[in-house]
PDB file of N, CA and C in Angstrom:
ATOM      1  N   MET A   1       1.115  -0.951  -0.168  1.00  0.00           N
ATOM      2  CA  MET A   1      -0.135   0.079  -0.031  1.00  0.00           C
ATOM      3  C   MET A   1       0.539   1.006   0.285  1.00  0.00           C
ATOM      4  N   THR A   2       0.988   2.314  -0.990  1.00  0.00           N
ATOM      5  CA  THR A   2       1.124   3.399  -0.818  1.00  0.00           C
ATOM      6  C   THR A   2       0.735   4.516  -0.831  1.00  0.00           C
ATOM      7  N   LYS A   3       1.190   5.554  -0.131  1.00  0.00           N
ATOM      8  CA  LYS A   3       0.262   6.278   0.186  1.00  0.00           C
ATOM      9  C   LYS A   3       0.494   7.987  -0.671  1.00  0.00           C
ATOM     10  N   PRO A   4      -0.230   8.407  -0.660  1.00  0.00           N
ATOM     11  CA  PRO A   4      -0.575   9.326  -2.066  1.00  0.00           C
ATOM     12  C   PRO A   4       0.495  10.698  -1.493  1.00  0.00           C
ATOM     13  N   ALA A   5       1.439  10.986  -2.784  1.00  0.00           N
ATOM     14  CA  ALA A   5       2.210  11.727  -2.662  1.00  0.00           C
ATOM     15  C   ALA A   5       2.054  13.128  -1.727  1.00  0.00           C
ATOM     16  N   ALA A   6       2.934  14.165  -1.447  1.00  0.00           N
ATOM     17  CA  ALA A   6       2.104  15.440  -0.545  1.00  0.00           C
ATOM     18  C   ALA A   6       2.426  16.300  -1.847  1.00  0.00           C
ATOM     19  N   PRO A   7       1.382  17.510  -1.552  1.00  0.00           N
ATOM     20  CA  PRO A   7       1.845  18.625  -2.387  1.00  0.00           C
ATOM     21  C   PRO A   7       3.268  18.899  -1.591  1.00  0.00           C
ATOM     22  N   LYS A   8       3.939  19.211  -3.035  1.00  0.00           N
ATOM     23  CA  LYS A   8       5.269  20.352  -2.337  1.00  0.00           C
ATOM     24  C   LYS A   8       4.875  21.347  -2.744  1.00  0.00           C
ATOM     25  N   ARG A   9       5.438  21.853  -1.392  1.00  0.00           N
ATOM     26  CA  ARG A   9       5.915  23.258  -0.754  1.00  0.00           C
ATOM     27  C   ARG A   9       6.745  23.708  -1.651  1.00  0.00           C
ATOM     28  N   HIS A  10       6.401  25.253  -2.031  1.00  0.00           N
ATOM     29  CA  HIS A  10       7.078  26.223  -2.574  1.00  0.00           C
ATOM     30  C   HIS A  10       7.651  27.144  -1.597  1.00  0.00           C
ATOM     31  N   LEU A  11       9.304  27.404  -1.349  1.00  0.00           N
ATOM     32  CA  LEU A  11      10.196  27.975  -0.962  1.00  0.00           C
ATOM     33  C   LEU A  11      10.165  29.150  -1.519  1.00  0.00           C
ATOM     34  N   PRO A  12      10.063  30.394  -0.374  1.00  0.00           N
ATOM     35  CA  PRO A  12       9.949  31.755  -0.556  1.00  0.00           C
ATOM     36  C   PRO A  12      11.872  32.136  -1.572  1.00  0.00           C
ATOM     37  N   THR A  13      13.086  31.500  -1.345  1.00  0.00           N
ATOM     38  CA  THR A  13      14.176  31.362  -1.655  1.00  0.00           C
ATOM     39  C   THR A  13      14.274  30.211  -2.963  1.00  0.00           C
ATOM     40  N   SER A  14      13.380  30.247  -3.301  1.00  0.00           N
ATOM     41  CA  SER A  14      13.105  29.403  -4.852  1.00  0.00           C
ATOM     42  C   SER A  14      13.341  30.674  -5.744  1.00  0.00           C
ATOM     43  N   PRO A  15      13.863  29.980  -7.337  1.00  0.00           N
ATOM     44  CA  PRO A  15      14.015  31.495  -8.221  1.00  0.00           C
ATOM     45  C   PRO A  15      12.734  31.133  -8.831  1.00  0.00           C
ATOM     46  N   PHE A  16      11.883  29.972  -8.987  1.00  0.00           N
ATOM     47  CA  PHE A  16      11.448  29.646  -9.387  1.00  0.00           C
ATOM     48  C   PHE A  16       9.844  30.039  -9.091  1.00  0.00           C
ATOM     49  N   LYS A  17       7.994  30.487 -10.091  1.00  0.00           N
ATOM     50  CA  LYS A  17       7.488  31.320  -9.676  1.00  0.00           C
ATOM     51  C   LYS A  17       6.353  30.188  -8.823  1.00  0.00           C
ATOM     52  N   ALA A  18       5.900  30.608  -7.531  1.00  0.00           N
ATOM     53  CA  ALA A  18       4.469  29.486  -7.449  1.00  0.00           C
ATOM     54  C   ALA A  18       3.840  29.442  -7.694  1.00  0.00           C
ATOM     55  N   PRO A  19       3.532  28.131  -8.014  1.00  0.00           N
ATOM     56  CA  PRO A  19       2.005  28.521  -9.413  1.00  0.00           C
ATOM     57  C   PRO A  19       1.139  29.085  -8.331  1.00  0.00           C
ATOM     58  N   VAL A  20       0.023  28.942  -9.804  1.00  0.00           N
ATOM     59  CA  VAL A  20      -0.703  30.324  -9.285  1.00  0.00           C
ATOM     60  C   VAL A  20      -1.999  28.692  -8.584  1.00  0.00           C
ATOM     61  N   THR A  21      -2.817  29.161  -7.771  1.00  0.00           N
ATOM     62  CA  THR A  21      -4.252  28.439  -7.402  1.00  0.00           C
ATOM     63  C   THR A  21      -5.470  28.849  -8.605  1.00  0.00           C
ATOM     64  N   ALA A  22      -6.037  28.976  -8.571  1.00  0.00           N
ATOM     65  CA  ALA A  22      -7.150  29.320  -9.342  1.00  0.00           C
ATOM     66  C   ALA A  22      -8.080  29.164  -9.255  1.00  0.00           C
ATOM     67  N   PRO A  23      -9.149  30.718  -9.033  1.00  0.00           N
ATOM     68  CA  PRO A  23      -9.779  31.496  -7.961  1.00  0.00           C
ATOM     69  C   PRO A  23     -11.277  30.281  -7.993  1.00  0.00           C
ATOM     70  N   LEU A  24     -11.833  30.301  -6.824  1.00  0.00           N
ATOM     71  CA  LEU A  24     -13.236  29.868  -7.067  1.00  0.00           C
ATOM     72  C   LEU A  24     -13.765  30.605  -7.024  1.00  0.00           C
ATOM     73  N   LYS A  25     -14.228  29.631  -7.840  1.00  0.00           N
ATOM     74  CA  LYS A  25     -16.145  29.836  -8.841  1.00  0.00           C
ATOM     75  C   LYS A  25     -17.440  29.683  -7.821  1.00  0.00           C
ATOM     76  N   HIS A  26     -18.121  30.842  -8.134  1.00  0.00           N
ATOM     77  CA  HIS A  26     -19.178  31.084  -6.981  1.00  0.00           C
ATOM     78  C   HIS A  26     -20.237  32.280  -7.441  1.00  0.00           C
ATOM     79  N   PHE A  27     -20.917  30.859  -8.198  1.00  0.00           N
ATOM     80  CA  PHE A  27     -22.219  31.285  -8.423  1.00  0.00           C
ATOM     81  C   PHE A  27     -23.398  31.749  -7.674  1.00  0.00           C
ATOM     82  N   ALA A  28     -24.520  32.669  -8.420  1.00  0.00           N
ATOM     83  CA  ALA A  28     -25.644  33.321  -7.284  1.00  0.00           C
ATOM     84  C   ALA A  28     -26.511  32.490  -8.238  1.00  0.00           C
ATOM     85  N   VAL A  29     -27.815  32.470  -7.089  1.00  0.00           N
ATOM     86  CA  VAL A  29     -29.304  31.835  -7.764  1.00  0.00           C
ATOM     87  C   VAL A  29     -29.657  32.740  -9.261  1.00  0.00           C
ATOM     88  N   GLY A  30     -30.159  32.381 -10.118  1.00  0.00           N
ATOM     89  CA  GLY A  30     -30.431  33.111 -11.309  1.00  0.00           C
ATOM     90  C   GLY A  30     -29.707  33.726 -12.297  1.00  0.00           C
ATOM     91  N   ASP A  31     -27.729  32.883 -11.814  1.00  0.00           N
ATOM     92  CA  ASP A  31     -27.346  32.876 -13.042  1.00  0.00           C
ATOM     93  C   ASP A  31     -27.044  32.315 -13.788  1.00  0.00           C
ATOM     94  N   LYS A  32     -26.620  32.896 -15.315  1.00  0.00           N
ATOM     95  CA  LYS A  32     -26.714  32.306 -16.780  1.00  0.00           C
ATOM     96  C   LYS A  32     -25.799  31.360 -16.577  1.00  0.00           C
ATOM     97  N   VAL A  33     -25.722  29.890 -17.070  1.00  0.00           N
ATOM     98  CA  VAL A  33     -24.501  29.428 -17.295  1.00  0.00           C
ATOM     99  C   VAL A  33     -24.763  27.966 -17.904  1.00  0.00           C
ATOM    100  N   THR A  34     -23.661  27.596 -18.818  1.00  0.00           N
ATOM    101  CA  THR A  34     -23.359  26.538 -18.919  1.00  0.00           C
ATOM    102  C   THR A  34     -22.003  25.296 -18.826  1.00  0.00           C
ATOM    103  N   HIS A  35     -22.829  24.344 -19.205  1.00  0.00           N
ATOM    104  CA  HIS A  35     -22.357  22.497 -18.744  1.00  0.00           C
ATOM    105  C   HIS A  35     -21.928  22.324 -20.211  1.00  0.00           C
ATOM    106  N   ASP A  36     -19.901  21.716 -19.952  1.00  0.00           N
ATOM    107  CA  ASP A  36     -19.873  21.303 -20.787  1.00  0.00           C
ATOM    108  C   ASP A  36     -21.073  20.011 -21.761  1.00  0.00           C
ATOM    109  N   MET A  37     -21.264  19.675 -19.904  1.00  0.00           N
ATOM    110  CA  MET A  37     -22.505  18.016 -20.686  1.00  0.00           C
ATOM    111  C   MET A  37     -23.860  18.544 -20.838  1.00  0.00           C
ATOM    112  N   TYR A  38     -24.441  19.733 -20.232  1.00  0.00           N
ATOM    113  CA  TYR A  38     -25.734  19.830 -20.141  1.00  0.00           C
ATOM    114  C   TYR A  38     -26.744  20.986 -21.149  1.00  0.00           C
ATOM    115  N   GLY A  39     -25.218  21.722 -20.857  1.00  0.00           N
ATOM    116  CA  GLY A  39     -25.588  22.719 -21.897  1.00  0.00           C
ATOM    117  C   GLY A  39     -26.150  24.069 -20.946  1.00  0.00           C
ATOM    118  N   LEU A  40     -26.743  25.072 -21.764  1.00  0.00           N
ATOM    119  CA  LEU A  40     -27.553  26.203 -21.527  1.00  0.00           C
ATOM    120  C   LEU A  40     -28.230  25.543 -19.941  1.00  0.00           C
ATOM    121  N   GLY A  41     -28.099  26.581 -18.725  1.00  0.00           N
ATOM    122  CA  GLY A  41     -28.773  26.161 -17.942  1.00  0.00           C
ATOM    123  C   GLY A  41     -29.412  27.631 -17.016  1.00  0.00           C
ATOM    124  N   ARG A  42     -29.567  27.802 -16.071  1.00  0.00           N
ATOM    125  CA  ARG A  42     -30.299  28.367 -14.708  1.00  0.00           C
ATOM    126  C   ARG A  42     -29.519  28.062 -13.666  1.00  0.00           C
ATOM    127  N   VAL A  43     -28.798  28.846 -12.417  1.00  0.00           N
ATOM    128  CA  VAL A  43     -28.830  28.394 -11.199  1.00  0.00           C
ATOM    129  C   VAL A  43     -30.127  28.680 -10.286  1.00  0.00           C
ATOM    130  N   ILE A  44     -30.556  27.628  -9.651  1.00  0.00           N
ATOM    131  CA  ILE A  44     -31.410  28.023  -8.627  1.00  0.00           C
ATOM    132  C   ILE A  44     -32.200  27.630  -7.696  1.00  0.00           C
ATOM    133  N   GLY A  45     -30.895  26.656  -7.002  1.00  0.00           N
ATOM    134  CA  GLY A  45     -30.335  26.316  -5.783  1.00  0.00           C
ATOM    135  C   GLY A  45     -28.560  27.220  -5.629  1.00  0.00           C
ATOM    136  N   ILE A  46     -28.454  26.922  -4.732  1.00  0.00           N
ATOM    137  CA  ILE A  46     -27.076  27.363  -3.890  1.00  0.00           C
ATOM    138  C   ILE A  46     -26.885  26.527  -2.468  1.00  0.00           C
ATOM    139  N   GLU A  47     -25.904  25.276  -2.191  1.00  0.00           N
ATOM    140  CA  GLU A  47     -25.944  24.586  -1.455  1.00  0.00           C
ATOM    141  C   GLU A  47     -24.085  25.392  -0.397  1.00  0.00           C
ATOM    142  N   ALA A  48     -24.086  26.435  -0.223  1.00  0.00           N
ATOM    143  CA  ALA A  48     -23.007  26.838   0.453  1.00  0.00           C
ATOM    144  C   ALA A  48     -21.589  25.839   0.319  1.00  0.00           C
ATOM    145  N   GLY A  49     -21.275  26.794  -0.995  1.00  0.00           N
ATOM    146  CA  GLY A  49     -20.073  26.288  -1.868  1.00  0.00           C
ATOM    147  C   GLY A  49     -19.611  25.102  -1.607  1.00  0.00           C
ATOM    148  N   ILE A  50     -20.912  23.555  -1.937  1.00  0.00           N
ATOM    149  CA  ILE A  50     -21.101  22.556  -1.490  1.00  0.00           C
ATOM    150  C   ILE A  50     -21.422  21.613  -3.287  1.00  0.00           C
ATOM    151  N   ALA A  51     -22.377  22.761  -3.452  1.00  0.00           N
ATOM    152  CA  ALA A  51     -22.956  21.980  -5.016  1.00  0.00           C
ATOM    153  C   ALA A  51     -24.205  23.515  -5.228  1.00  0.00           C
ATOM    154  N   ALA A  52     -24.194  23.514  -6.262  1.00  0.00           N
ATOM    155  CA  ALA A  52     -25.833  24.184  -7.154  1.00  0.00           C
ATOM    156  C   ALA A  52     -26.718  23.563  -8.067  1.00  0.00           C
ATOM    157  N   LEU A  53     -27.774  24.231  -7.817  1.00  0.00           N
ATOM    158  CA  LEU A  53     -29.334  23.143  -8.100  1.00  0.00           C
ATOM    159  C   LEU A  53     -29.098  23.914  -9.584  1.00  0.00           C
ATOM    160  N   VAL A  54     -28.621  23.047 -10.953  1.00  0.00           N
ATOM    161  CA  VAL A  54     -29.502  23.922 -12.530  1.00  0.00           C
ATOM    162  C   VAL A  54     -30.411  24.005 -12.593  1.00  0.00           C
ATOM    163  N   ASP A  55     -30.984  24.385 -13.096  1.00  0.00           N
ATOM    164  CA  ASP A  55     -32.112  23.910 -14.429  1.00  0.00           C
ATOM    165  C   ASP A  55     -31.628  24.323 -15.808  1.00  0.00           C
ATOM    166  N   PHE A  56     -31.592  22.723 -16.239  1.00  0.00           N
ATOM    167  CA  PHE A  56     -31.495  22.809 -17.843  1.00  0.00           C
ATOM    168  C   PHE A  56     -32.327  23.131 -19.147  1.00  0.00           C
ATOM    169  N   GLY A  57     -33.632  22.632 -18.172  1.00  0.00           N
ATOM    170  CA  GLY A  57     -34.836  22.796 -19.345  1.00  0.00           C
ATOM    171  C   GLY A  57     -35.477  21.504 -19.171  1.00  0.00           C
ATOM    172  N   SER A  58     -34.246  20.735 -19.530  1.00  0.00           N
ATOM    173  CA  SER A  58     -35.457  18.972 -19.196  1.00  0.00           C
ATOM    174  C   SER A  58     -35.018  18.328 -18.179  1.00  0.00           C
ATOM    175  N   THR A  59     -34.121  19.232 -17.600  1.00  0.00           N
ATOM    176  CA  THR A  59     -33.725  18.343 -16.366  1.00  0.00           C
ATOM    177  C   THR A  59     -33.079  19.565 -15.111  1.00  0.00           C
ATOM    178  N   GLN A  60     -32.535  18.564 -13.788  1.00  0.00           N
ATOM    179  CA  GLN A  60     -32.896  19.305 -13.054  1.00  0.00           C
ATOM    180  C   GLN A  60     -31.162  18.884 -13.089  1.00  0.00           C
ATOM    181  N   GLU A  61     -30.110  19.525 -12.104  1.00  0.00           N
ATOM    182  CA  GLU A  61     -29.258  18.568 -11.834  1.00  0.00           C
ATOM    183  C   GLU A  61     -28.391  19.420 -10.628  1.00  0.00           C
ATOM    184  N   ARG A  62     -27.831  18.109  -9.691  1.00  0.00           N
ATOM    185  CA  ARG A  62     -27.133  19.335  -8.635  1.00  0.00           C
ATOM    186  C   ARG A  62     -25.426  19.318  -9.120  1.00  0.00           C
ATOM    187  N   ILE A  63     -25.094  20.142  -9.345  1.00  0.00           N
ATOM    188  CA  ILE A  63     -23.292  20.450  -9.573  1.00  0.00           C
ATOM    189  C   ILE A  63     -22.637  20.543  -8.568  1.00  0.00           C
ATOM    190  N   LEU A  64     -21.925  19.904  -8.183  1.00  0.00           N
ATOM    191  CA  LEU A  64     -20.812  19.535  -7.603  1.00  0.00           C
ATOM    192  C   LEU A  64     -19.719  20.443  -6.946  1.00  0.00           C
ATOM    193  N   SER A  65     -18.887  21.396  -6.110  1.00  0.00           N
ATOM    194  CA  SER A  65     -18.548  22.267  -6.419  1.00  0.00           C
ATOM    195  C   SER A  65     -16.814  20.930  -6.515  1.00  0.00           C
ATOM    196  N   PRO A  66     -15.761  21.913  -7.098  1.00  0.00           N
ATOM    197  CA  PRO A  66     -15.673  22.893  -7.907  1.00  0.00           C
ATOM    198  C   PRO A  66     -15.930  23.180  -9.475  1.00  0.00           C
ATOM    199  N   TYR A  67     -17.272  22.967  -9.408  1.00  0.00           N
ATOM    200  CA  TYR A  67     -17.404  23.711 -10.900  1.00  0.00           C
ATOM    201  C   TYR A  67     -16.292  23.040 -11.857  1.00  0.00           C
ATOM    202  N   ALA A  68     -16.180  22.456 -12.372  1.00  0.00           N
ATOM    203  CA  ALA A  68     -14.939  22.597 -13.595  1.00  0.00           C
ATOM    204  C   ALA A  68     -15.114  22.647 -14.971  1.00  0.00           C
ATOM    205  N   LYS A  69     -16.391  22.171 -14.717  1.00  0.00           N
ATOM    206  CA  LYS A  69     -17.222  21.383 -16.196  1.00  0.00           C
ATOM    207  C   LYS A  69     -18.436  23.299 -16.381  1.00  0.00           C
ATOM    208  N   MET A  70     -18.317  23.363 -15.673  1.00  0.00           N
ATOM    209  CA  MET A  70     -19.395  24.478 -15.235  1.00  0.00           C
ATOM    210  C   MET A  70     -18.837  26.442 -15.369  1.00  0.00           C
ATOM    211  N   THR A  71     -19.461  26.835 -16.448  1.00  0.00           N
ATOM    212  CA  THR A  71     -19.168  29.049 -16.373  1.00  0.00           C
ATOM    213  C   THR A  71     -20.385  29.282 -16.834  1.00  0.00           C
ATOM    214  N   LYS A  72     -19.328  30.534 -15.348  1.00  0.00           N
ATOM    215  CA  LYS A  72     -21.322  31.825 -15.989  1.00  0.00           C
ATOM    216  C   LYS A  72     -20.758  32.677 -16.567  1.00  0.00           C
ATOM    217  N   LEU A  73     -21.969  32.636 -17.928  1.00  0.00           N
ATOM    218  CA  LEU A  73     -22.890  33.354 -18.824  1.00  0.00           C
ATOM    219  C   LEU A  73     -22.628  35.176 -18.240  1.00  0.00           C
TER     220      LEU A  73
END
């Protein structure tokens, strides 16, 4: 059994730039969004940073954070 590798620390004295962390996406009720799999939709509910409930017309889906495949229009 192996343990997963620990994330590498960036030392302040390193000549290389620190890796940039992507900002978290925030959605609000009523936002128009697009999803890679489901298409266009509108946010109809938010679960405090855990998930967003989105109405895609023919279906309603609960999209989990970090919302990798969803973008705000």
